[in-house]
Amino acid sequence: MGFGLICMVHSKLRKVGTVTRKSRVTIPAKIRSEYSFKKGSKVGFVETEGGVLLIPVRSLRELRGSLKSHEKVMRQAIRELEREHREEARL
């Protein structure tokens, strides 16, 4: 899932934060809520040609179980990879 807060002037700008003189940025409440930012949450900054993206950085503990809803697809993908490896090994 991509993060919706874009730190640049853009036609699809959703919310605006303000940079303080201490270089801190306040993330709007709706964005904090939508992306589960809490005190101490880590964020990453990704530079792109068009600006800077702010993305949540999740710990392994927070990610635990997040793929449970995709378990069937993941198991199928693993089976396909195993089958491909066996076929390549026969060559």
PDB file of N, CA and C in Angstrom:
ATOM      1  N   MET A   1       0.844  -1.162   0.000  1.00  0.00           N
ATOM      2  CA  MET A   1       0.000   0.000   0.000  1.00  0.00           C
ATOM      3  C   MET A   1       0.890   1.226   0.000  1.00  0.00           C
ATOM      4  N   GLY A   2       0.668   2.166  -0.930  1.00  0.00           N
ATOM      5  CA  GLY A   2       1.424   3.405  -0.988  1.00  0.00           C
ATOM      6  C   GLY A   2       0.883   4.408   0.007  1.00  0.00           C
ATOM      7  N   PHE A   3       1.704   5.344   0.377  1.00  0.00           N
ATOM      8  CA  PHE A   3       1.286   6.347   1.342  1.00  0.00           C
ATOM      9  C   PHE A   3       0.784   7.571   0.609  1.00  0.00           C
ATOM     10  N   GLY A   4      -0.305   8.152   1.056  1.00  0.00           N
ATOM     11  CA  GLY A   4      -0.969   9.236   0.351  1.00  0.00           C
ATOM     12  C   GLY A   4      -0.439  10.624   0.593  1.00  0.00           C
ATOM     13  N   LEU A   5       0.421  10.846   1.592  1.00  0.00           N
ATOM     14  CA  LEU A   5       0.901  12.188   1.860  1.00  0.00           C
ATOM     15  C   LEU A   5       2.075  12.483   0.951  1.00  0.00           C
ATOM     16  N   ILE A   6       1.912  13.436   0.077  1.00  0.00           N
ATOM     17  CA  ILE A   6       2.969  13.787  -0.863  1.00  0.00           C
ATOM     18  C   ILE A   6       3.489  15.156  -0.472  1.00  0.00           C
ATOM     19  N   CYS A   7       4.774  15.225  -0.138  1.00  0.00           N
ATOM     20  CA  CYS A   7       5.369  16.475   0.340  1.00  0.00           C
ATOM     21  C   CYS A   7       5.838  17.316  -0.840  1.00  0.00           C
ATOM     22  N   MET A   8       4.925  17.780  -1.645  1.00  0.00           N
ATOM     23  CA  MET A   8       5.243  18.622  -2.792  1.00  0.00           C
ATOM     24  C   MET A   8       3.965  19.250  -3.298  1.00  0.00           C
ATOM     25  N   VAL A   9       4.100  20.206  -4.188  1.00  0.00           N
ATOM     26  CA  VAL A   9       2.922  20.786  -4.805  1.00  0.00           C
ATOM     27  C   VAL A   9       2.490  19.828  -5.897  1.00  0.00           C
ATOM     28  N   HIS A  10       1.257  19.364  -5.828  1.00  0.00           N
ATOM     29  CA  HIS A  10       0.790  18.332  -6.752  1.00  0.00           C
ATOM     30  C   HIS A  10      -0.704  18.494  -6.917  1.00  0.00           C
ATOM     31  N   SER A  11      -1.189  18.178  -8.096  1.00  0.00           N
ATOM     32  CA  SER A  11      -2.617  18.356  -8.360  1.00  0.00           C
ATOM     33  C   SER A  11      -3.493  17.429  -7.518  1.00  0.00           C
ATOM     34  N   LYS A  12      -2.924  16.340  -6.983  1.00  0.00           N
ATOM     35  CA  LYS A  12      -3.705  15.406  -6.177  1.00  0.00           C
ATOM     36  C   LYS A  12      -3.321  15.486  -4.702  1.00  0.00           C
ATOM     37  N   LEU A  13      -2.818  16.624  -4.289  1.00  0.00           N
ATOM     38  CA  LEU A  13      -2.404  16.808  -2.901  1.00  0.00           C
ATOM     39  C   LEU A  13      -3.590  16.589  -1.980  1.00  0.00           C
ATOM     40  N   ARG A  14      -3.468  15.662  -1.042  1.00  0.00           N
ATOM     41  CA  ARG A  14      -4.583  15.308  -0.158  1.00  0.00           C
ATOM     42  C   ARG A  14      -4.645  16.183   1.076  1.00  0.00           C
ATOM     43  N   LYS A  15      -3.539  16.340   1.746  1.00  0.00           N
ATOM     44  CA  LYS A  15      -3.475  17.101   2.998  1.00  0.00           C
ATOM     45  C   LYS A  15      -2.156  17.862   3.022  1.00  0.00           C
ATOM     46  N   VAL A  16      -2.105  18.893   3.832  1.00  0.00           N
ATOM     47  CA  VAL A  16      -0.904  19.711   3.913  1.00  0.00           C
ATOM     48  C   VAL A  16      -0.385  19.700   5.347  1.00  0.00           C
ATOM     49  N   GLY A  17       0.923  19.483   5.498  1.00  0.00           N
ATOM     50  CA  GLY A  17       1.587  19.597   6.790  1.00  0.00           C
ATOM     51  C   GLY A  17       2.490  20.814   6.743  1.00  0.00           C
ATOM     52  N   THR A  18       2.889  21.298   7.899  1.00  0.00           N
ATOM     53  CA  THR A  18       3.744  22.477   7.974  1.00  0.00           C
ATOM     54  C   THR A  18       5.086  22.102   8.588  1.00  0.00           C
ATOM     55  N   VAL A  19       6.166  22.599   7.986  1.00  0.00           N
ATOM     56  CA  VAL A  19       7.503  22.380   8.524  1.00  0.00           C
ATOM     57  C   VAL A  19       7.782  23.495   9.528  1.00  0.00           C
ATOM     58  N   THR A  20       8.178  23.101  10.758  1.00  0.00           N
ATOM     59  CA  THR A  20       8.486  24.083  11.797  1.00  0.00           C
ATOM     60  C   THR A  20       9.931  24.550  11.655  1.00  0.00           C
ATOM     61  N   ARG A  21      10.339  25.533  12.444  1.00  0.00           N
ATOM     62  CA  ARG A  21      11.724  26.012  12.353  1.00  0.00           C
ATOM     63  C   ARG A  21      12.705  24.968  12.865  1.00  0.00           C
ATOM     64  N   LYS A  22      12.231  23.946  13.577  1.00  0.00           N
ATOM     65  CA  LYS A  22      13.083  22.836  14.010  1.00  0.00           C
ATOM     66  C   LYS A  22      13.042  21.684  13.002  1.00  0.00           C
ATOM     67  N   SER A  23      12.524  21.951  11.813  1.00  0.00           N
ATOM     68  CA  SER A  23      12.433  20.969  10.718  1.00  0.00           C
ATOM     69  C   SER A  23      11.507  19.812  11.026  1.00  0.00           C
ATOM     70  N   ARG A  24      10.535  20.011  11.871  1.00  0.00           N
ATOM     71  CA  ARG A  24       9.541  18.980  12.167  1.00  0.00           C
ATOM     72  C   ARG A  24       8.318  19.217  11.302  1.00  0.00           C
ATOM     73  N   VAL A  25       7.689  18.124  10.893  1.00  0.00           N
ATOM     74  CA  VAL A  25       6.484  18.215  10.076  1.00  0.00           C
ATOM     75  C   VAL A  25       5.329  17.599  10.848  1.00  0.00           C
ATOM     76  N   THR A  26       4.237  18.320  10.935  1.00  0.00           N
ATOM     77  CA  THR A  26       3.042  17.791  11.572  1.00  0.00           C
ATOM     78  C   THR A  26       2.226  17.062  10.516  1.00  0.00           C
ATOM     79  N   ILE A  27       1.945  15.794  10.784  1.00  0.00           N
ATOM     80  CA  ILE A  27       1.135  15.001   9.856  1.00  0.00           C
ATOM     81  C   ILE A  27      -0.327  15.240  10.223  1.00  0.00           C
ATOM     82  N   PRO A  28      -1.148  15.617   9.258  1.00  0.00           N
ATOM     83  CA  PRO A  28      -2.563  15.879   9.553  1.00  0.00           C
ATOM     84  C   PRO A  28      -3.238  14.683  10.234  1.00  0.00           C
ATOM     85  N   ALA A  29      -4.166  14.985  11.143  1.00  0.00           N
ATOM     86  CA  ALA A  29      -4.833  13.959  11.951  1.00  0.00           C
ATOM     87  C   ALA A  29      -5.474  12.861  11.111  1.00  0.00           C
ATOM     88  N   LYS A  30      -6.129  13.221  10.021  1.00  0.00           N
ATOM     89  CA  LYS A  30      -6.789  12.212   9.183  1.00  0.00           C
ATOM     90  C   LYS A  30      -5.765  11.226   8.608  1.00  0.00           C
ATOM     91  N   ILE A  31      -4.619  11.728   8.195  1.00  0.00           N
ATOM     92  CA  ILE A  31      -3.560  10.867   7.650  1.00  0.00           C
ATOM     93  C   ILE A  31      -2.978   9.999   8.764  1.00  0.00           C
ATOM     94  N   ARG A  32      -2.718  10.592   9.950  1.00  0.00           N
ATOM     95  CA  ARG A  32      -2.205   9.806  11.081  1.00  0.00           C
ATOM     96  C   ARG A  32      -3.142   8.662  11.415  1.00  0.00           C
ATOM     97  N   SER A  33      -4.419   8.941  11.430  1.00  0.00           N
ATOM     98  CA  SER A  33      -5.414   7.916  11.750  1.00  0.00           C
ATOM     99  C   SER A  33      -5.479   6.851  10.667  1.00  0.00           C
ATOM    100  N   GLU A  34      -5.534   7.279   9.415  1.00  0.00           N
ATOM    101  CA  GLU A  34      -5.666   6.348   8.288  1.00  0.00           C
ATOM    102  C   GLU A  34      -4.493   5.374   8.202  1.00  0.00           C
ATOM    103  N   TYR A  35      -3.291   5.851   8.553  1.00  0.00           N
ATOM    104  CA  TYR A  35      -2.099   5.017   8.434  1.00  0.00           C
ATOM    105  C   TYR A  35      -1.556   4.562   9.787  1.00  0.00           C
ATOM    106  N   SER A  36      -2.355   4.715  10.830  1.00  0.00           N
ATOM    107  CA  SER A  36      -2.030   4.237  12.183  1.00  0.00           C
ATOM    108  C   SER A  36      -0.713   4.787  12.725  1.00  0.00           C
ATOM    109  N   PHE A  37      -0.413   6.045  12.433  1.00  0.00           N
ATOM    110  CA  PHE A  37       0.763   6.676  13.033  1.00  0.00           C
ATOM    111  C   PHE A  37       0.446   7.019  14.480  1.00  0.00           C
ATOM    112  N   LYS A  38       1.358   6.642  15.370  1.00  0.00           N
ATOM    113  CA  LYS A  38       1.229   6.948  16.784  1.00  0.00           C
ATOM    114  C   LYS A  38       2.537   7.587  17.236  1.00  0.00           C
ATOM    115  N   LYS A  39       2.562   8.090  18.448  1.00  0.00           N
ATOM    116  CA  LYS A  39       3.789   8.657  18.983  1.00  0.00           C
ATOM    117  C   LYS A  39       4.904   7.618  18.885  1.00  0.00           C
ATOM    118  N   GLY A  40       6.021   8.005  18.323  1.00  0.00           N
ATOM    119  CA  GLY A  40       7.156   7.102  18.172  1.00  0.00           C
ATOM    120  C   GLY A  40       7.154   6.293  16.887  1.00  0.00           C
ATOM    121  N   SER A  41       6.107   6.411  16.051  1.00  0.00           N
ATOM    122  CA  SER A  41       6.073   5.690  14.773  1.00  0.00           C
ATOM    123  C   SER A  41       7.237   6.141  13.895  1.00  0.00           C
ATOM    124  N   LYS A  42       7.803   5.197  13.171  1.00  0.00           N
ATOM    125  CA  LYS A  42       8.903   5.499  12.255  1.00  0.00           C
ATOM    126  C   LYS A  42       8.338   5.793  10.870  1.00  0.00           C
ATOM    127  N   VAL A  43       8.969   6.736  10.183  1.00  0.00           N
ATOM    128  CA  VAL A  43       8.577   7.063   8.814  1.00  0.00           C
ATOM    129  C   VAL A  43       9.820   7.061   7.940  1.00  0.00           C
ATOM    130  N   GLY A  44       9.617   6.745   6.675  1.00  0.00           N
ATOM    131  CA  GLY A  44      10.698   6.775   5.700  1.00  0.00           C
ATOM    132  C   GLY A  44      10.417   7.861   4.683  1.00  0.00           C
ATOM    133  N   PHE A  45      11.485   8.413   4.123  1.00  0.00           N
ATOM    134  CA  PHE A  45      11.362   9.432   3.097  1.00  0.00           C
ATOM    135  C   PHE A  45      11.958   8.875   1.818  1.00  0.00           C
ATOM    136  N   VAL A  46      11.166   8.871   0.753  1.00  0.00           N
ATOM    137  CA  VAL A  46      11.605   8.350  -0.531  1.00  0.00           C
ATOM    138  C   VAL A  46      11.642   9.506  -1.520  1.00  0.00           C
ATOM    139  N   GLU A  47      12.830   9.773  -2.047  1.00  0.00           N
ATOM    140  CA  GLU A  47      12.968  10.836  -3.030  1.00  0.00           C
ATOM    141  C   GLU A  47      12.576  10.309  -4.400  1.00  0.00           C
ATOM    142  N   THR A  48      11.759  11.070  -5.097  1.00  0.00           N
ATOM    143  CA  THR A  48      11.353  10.734  -6.458  1.00  0.00           C
ATOM    144  C   THR A  48      11.643  11.939  -7.340  1.00  0.00           C
ATOM    145  N   GLU A  49      11.466  11.784  -8.637  1.00  0.00           N
ATOM    146  CA  GLU A  49      11.664  12.916  -9.541  1.00  0.00           C
ATOM    147  C   GLU A  49      10.683  14.037  -9.245  1.00  0.00           C
ATOM    148  N   GLY A  50       9.501  13.682  -8.771  1.00  0.00           N
ATOM    149  CA  GLY A  50       8.473  14.675  -8.537  1.00  0.00           C
ATOM    150  C   GLY A  50       8.425  15.247  -7.139  1.00  0.00           C
ATOM    151  N   GLY A  51       9.199  14.709  -6.196  1.00  0.00           N
ATOM    152  CA  GLY A  51       9.154  15.208  -4.829  1.00  0.00           C
ATOM    153  C   GLY A  51       9.588  14.154  -3.832  1.00  0.00           C
ATOM    154  N   VAL A  52       9.051  14.238  -2.645  1.00  0.00           N
ATOM    155  CA  VAL A  52       9.408  13.323  -1.562  1.00  0.00           C
ATOM    156  C   VAL A  52       8.148  12.637  -1.056  1.00  0.00           C
ATOM    157  N   LEU A  53       8.209  11.316  -0.921  1.00  0.00           N
ATOM    158  CA  LEU A  53       7.085  10.555  -0.368  1.00  0.00           C
ATOM    159  C   LEU A  53       7.399  10.200   1.074  1.00  0.00           C
ATOM    160  N   LEU A  54       6.410  10.276   1.918  1.00  0.00           N
ATOM    161  CA  LEU A  54       6.519   9.909   3.319  1.00  0.00           C
ATOM    162  C   LEU A  54       5.791   8.577   3.481  1.00  0.00           C
ATOM    163  N   ILE A  55       6.511   7.530   3.941  1.00  0.00           N
ATOM    164  CA  ILE A  55       5.890   6.215   4.055  1.00  0.00           C
ATOM    165  C   ILE A  55       6.065   5.659   5.467  1.00  0.00           C
ATOM    166  N   PRO A  56       5.089   4.895   5.951  1.00  0.00           N
ATOM    167  CA  PRO A  56       5.246   4.285   7.275  1.00  0.00           C
ATOM    168  C   PRO A  56       6.276   3.167   7.228  1.00  0.00           C
ATOM    169  N   VAL A  57       7.091   3.063   8.254  1.00  0.00           N
ATOM    170  CA  VAL A  57       8.060   1.979   8.379  1.00  0.00           C
ATOM    171  C   VAL A  57       7.562   1.108   9.523  1.00  0.00           C
ATOM    172  N   ARG A  58       7.209  -0.117   9.207  1.00  0.00           N
ATOM    173  CA  ARG A  58       6.630  -1.029  10.191  1.00  0.00           C
ATOM    174  C   ARG A  58       7.691  -1.979  10.738  1.00  0.00           C
ATOM    175  N   SER A  59       7.584  -2.304  11.998  1.00  0.00           N
ATOM    176  CA  SER A  59       8.482  -3.287  12.600  1.00  0.00           C
ATOM    177  C   SER A  59       7.998  -4.681  12.223  1.00  0.00           C
ATOM    178  N   LEU A  60       8.858  -5.675  12.417  1.00  0.00           N
ATOM    179  CA  LEU A  60       8.456  -7.055  12.133  1.00  0.00           C
ATOM    180  C   LEU A  60       7.279  -7.468  13.006  1.00  0.00           C
ATOM    181  N   ARG A  61       7.260  -6.989  14.232  1.00  0.00           N
ATOM    182  CA  ARG A  61       6.157  -7.304  15.137  1.00  0.00           C
ATOM    183  C   ARG A  61       4.835  -6.781  14.573  1.00  0.00           C
ATOM    184  N   GLU A  62       4.848  -5.560  14.025  1.00  0.00           N
ATOM    185  CA  GLU A  62       3.631  -4.973  13.458  1.00  0.00           C
ATOM    186  C   GLU A  62       3.191  -5.715  12.201  1.00  0.00           C
ATOM    187  N   LEU A  63       4.156  -6.266  11.468  1.00  0.00           N
ATOM    188  CA  LEU A  63       3.839  -6.955  10.216  1.00  0.00           C
ATOM    189  C   LEU A  63       3.366  -8.390  10.427  1.00  0.00           C
ATOM    190  N   ARG A  64       3.613  -8.936  11.610  1.00  0.00           N
ATOM    191  CA  ARG A  64       3.249 -10.324  11.890  1.00  0.00           C
ATOM    192  C   ARG A  64       1.762 -10.568  11.600  1.00  0.00           C
ATOM    193  N   GLY A  65       1.501 -11.543  10.766  1.00  0.00           N
ATOM    194  CA  GLY A  65       0.130 -11.905  10.435  1.00  0.00           C
ATOM    195  C   GLY A  65      -0.506 -11.059   9.345  1.00  0.00           C
ATOM    196  N   SER A  66       0.216 -10.055   8.832  1.00  0.00           N
ATOM    197  CA  SER A  66      -0.390  -9.160   7.850  1.00  0.00           C
ATOM    198  C   SER A  66      -0.681  -9.843   6.509  1.00  0.00           C
ATOM    199  N   LEU A  67      -0.009 -10.946   6.231  1.00  0.00           N
ATOM    200  CA  LEU A  67      -0.250 -11.651   4.964  1.00  0.00           C
ATOM    201  C   LEU A  67      -1.215 -12.821   5.125  1.00  0.00           C
ATOM    202  N   LYS A  68      -1.776 -12.976   6.300  1.00  0.00           N
ATOM    203  CA  LYS A  68      -2.675 -14.096   6.567  1.00  0.00           C
ATOM    204  C   LYS A  68      -3.807 -14.166   5.552  1.00  0.00           C
ATOM    205  N   SER A  69      -4.335 -13.007   5.168  1.00  0.00           N
ATOM    206  CA  SER A  69      -5.443 -12.989   4.213  1.00  0.00           C
ATOM    207  C   SER A  69      -4.990 -13.414   2.813  1.00  0.00           C
ATOM    208  N   HIS A  70      -3.667 -13.429   2.571  1.00  0.00           N
ATOM    209  CA  HIS A  70      -3.134 -13.817   1.261  1.00  0.00           C
ATOM    210  C   HIS A  70      -2.464 -15.194   1.307  1.00  0.00           C
ATOM    211  N   GLU A  71      -2.739 -15.940   2.351  1.00  0.00           N
ATOM    212  CA  GLU A  71      -2.055 -17.213   2.552  1.00  0.00           C
ATOM    213  C   GLU A  71      -2.221 -18.162   1.366  1.00  0.00           C
ATOM    214  N   LYS A  72      -3.422 -18.287   0.830  1.00  0.00           N
ATOM    215  CA  LYS A  72      -3.679 -19.197  -0.284  1.00  0.00           C
ATOM    216  C   LYS A  72      -2.840 -18.811  -1.507  1.00  0.00           C
ATOM    217  N   VAL A  73      -2.807 -17.536  -1.824  1.00  0.00           N
ATOM    218  CA  VAL A  73      -2.044 -17.056  -2.976  1.00  0.00           C
ATOM    219  C   VAL A  73      -0.550 -17.277  -2.754  1.00  0.00           C
ATOM    220  N   MET A  74      -0.073 -17.004  -1.526  1.00  0.00           N
ATOM    221  CA  MET A  74       1.344 -17.183  -1.215  1.00  0.00           C
ATOM    222  C   MET A  74       1.743 -18.657  -1.324  1.00  0.00           C
ATOM    223  N   ARG A  75       0.909 -19.551  -0.803  1.00  0.00           N
ATOM    224  CA  ARG A  75       1.221 -20.983  -0.891  1.00  0.00           C
ATOM    225  C   ARG A  75       1.267 -21.442  -2.357  1.00  0.00           C
ATOM    226  N   GLN A  76       0.343 -20.945  -3.165  1.00  0.00           N
ATOM    227  CA  GLN A  76       0.326 -21.289  -4.586  1.00  0.00           C
ATOM    228  C   GLN A  76       1.598 -20.788  -5.278  1.00  0.00           C
ATOM    229  N   ALA A  77       2.013 -19.571  -4.960  1.00  0.00           N
ATOM    230  CA  ALA A  77       3.224 -18.997  -5.557  1.00  0.00           C
ATOM    231  C   ALA A  77       4.451 -19.818  -5.162  1.00  0.00           C
ATOM    232  N   ILE A  78       4.512 -20.241  -3.910  1.00  0.00           N
ATOM    233  CA  ILE A  78       5.636 -21.064  -3.447  1.00  0.00           C
ATOM    234  C   ILE A  78       5.658 -22.398  -4.179  1.00  0.00           C
ATOM    235  N   ARG A  79       4.484 -23.019  -4.346  1.00  0.00           N
ATOM    236  CA  ARG A  79       4.417 -24.301  -5.078  1.00  0.00           C
ATOM    237  C   ARG A  79       4.901 -24.130  -6.523  1.00  0.00           C
ATOM    238  N   GLU A  80       4.495 -23.029  -7.167  1.00  0.00           N
ATOM    239  CA  GLU A  80       4.918 -22.769  -8.545  1.00  0.00           C
ATOM    240  C   GLU A  80       6.427 -22.578  -8.632  1.00  0.00           C
ATOM    241  N   LEU A  81       6.999 -21.839  -7.685  1.00  0.00           N
ATOM    242  CA  LEU A  81       8.449 -21.646  -7.676  1.00  0.00           C
ATOM    243  C   LEU A  81       9.177 -22.959  -7.463  1.00  0.00           C
ATOM    244  N   GLU A  82       8.687 -23.778  -6.550  1.00  0.00           N
ATOM    245  CA  GLU A  82       9.302 -25.084  -6.309  1.00  0.00           C
ATOM    246  C   GLU A  82       9.241 -25.948  -7.562  1.00  0.00           C
ATOM    247  N   ARG A  83       8.098 -25.926  -8.261  1.00  0.00           N
ATOM    248  CA  ARG A  83       7.951 -26.700  -9.493  1.00  0.00           C
ATOM    249  C   ARG A  83       8.946 -26.207 -10.557  1.00  0.00           C
ATOM    250  N   GLU A  84       9.082 -24.896 -10.693  1.00  0.00           N
ATOM    251  CA  GLU A  84      10.027 -24.328 -11.666  1.00  0.00           C
ATOM    252  C   GLU A  84      11.458 -24.734 -11.328  1.00  0.00           C
ATOM    253  N   HIS A  85      11.810 -24.709 -10.043  1.00  0.00           N
ATOM    254  CA  HIS A  85      13.165 -25.097  -9.637  1.00  0.00           C
ATOM    255  C   HIS A  85      13.439 -26.567  -9.943  1.00  0.00           C
ATOM    256  N   ARG A  86      12.439 -27.433  -9.703  1.00  0.00           N
ATOM    257  CA  ARG A  86      12.624 -28.857 -10.012  1.00  0.00           C
ATOM    258  C   ARG A  86      12.821 -29.054 -11.520  1.00  0.00           C
ATOM    259  N   GLU A  87      12.030 -28.339 -12.325  1.00  0.00           N
ATOM    260  CA  GLU A  87      12.163 -28.459 -13.787  1.00  0.00           C
ATOM    261  C   GLU A  87      13.524 -27.964 -14.257  1.00  0.00           C
ATOM    262  N   GLU A  88      13.994 -26.859 -13.700  1.00  0.00           N
ATOM    263  CA  GLU A  88      15.312 -26.331 -14.067  1.00  0.00           C
ATOM    264  C   GLU A  88      16.431 -27.276 -13.638  1.00  0.00           C
ATOM    265  N   ALA A  89      16.261 -27.943 -12.508  1.00  0.00           N
ATOM    266  CA  ALA A  89      17.279 -28.865 -12.014  1.00  0.00           C
ATOM    267  C   ALA A  89      17.413 -30.087 -12.930  1.00  0.00           C
ATOM    268  N   ARG A  90      16.330 -30.457 -13.609  1.00  0.00           N
ATOM    269  CA  ARG A  90      16.367 -31.616 -14.524  1.00  0.00           C
ATOM    270  C   ARG A  90      17.119 -31.300 -15.802  1.00  0.00           C
ATOM    271  N   LEU A  91      17.249 -30.039 -16.146  1.00  0.00           N
ATOM    272  CA  LEU A  91      17.918 -29.662 -17.403  1.00  0.00           C
ATOM    273  C   LEU A  91      19.374 -29.827 -17.359  1.00  0.00           C
TER     274      LEU A  91
END
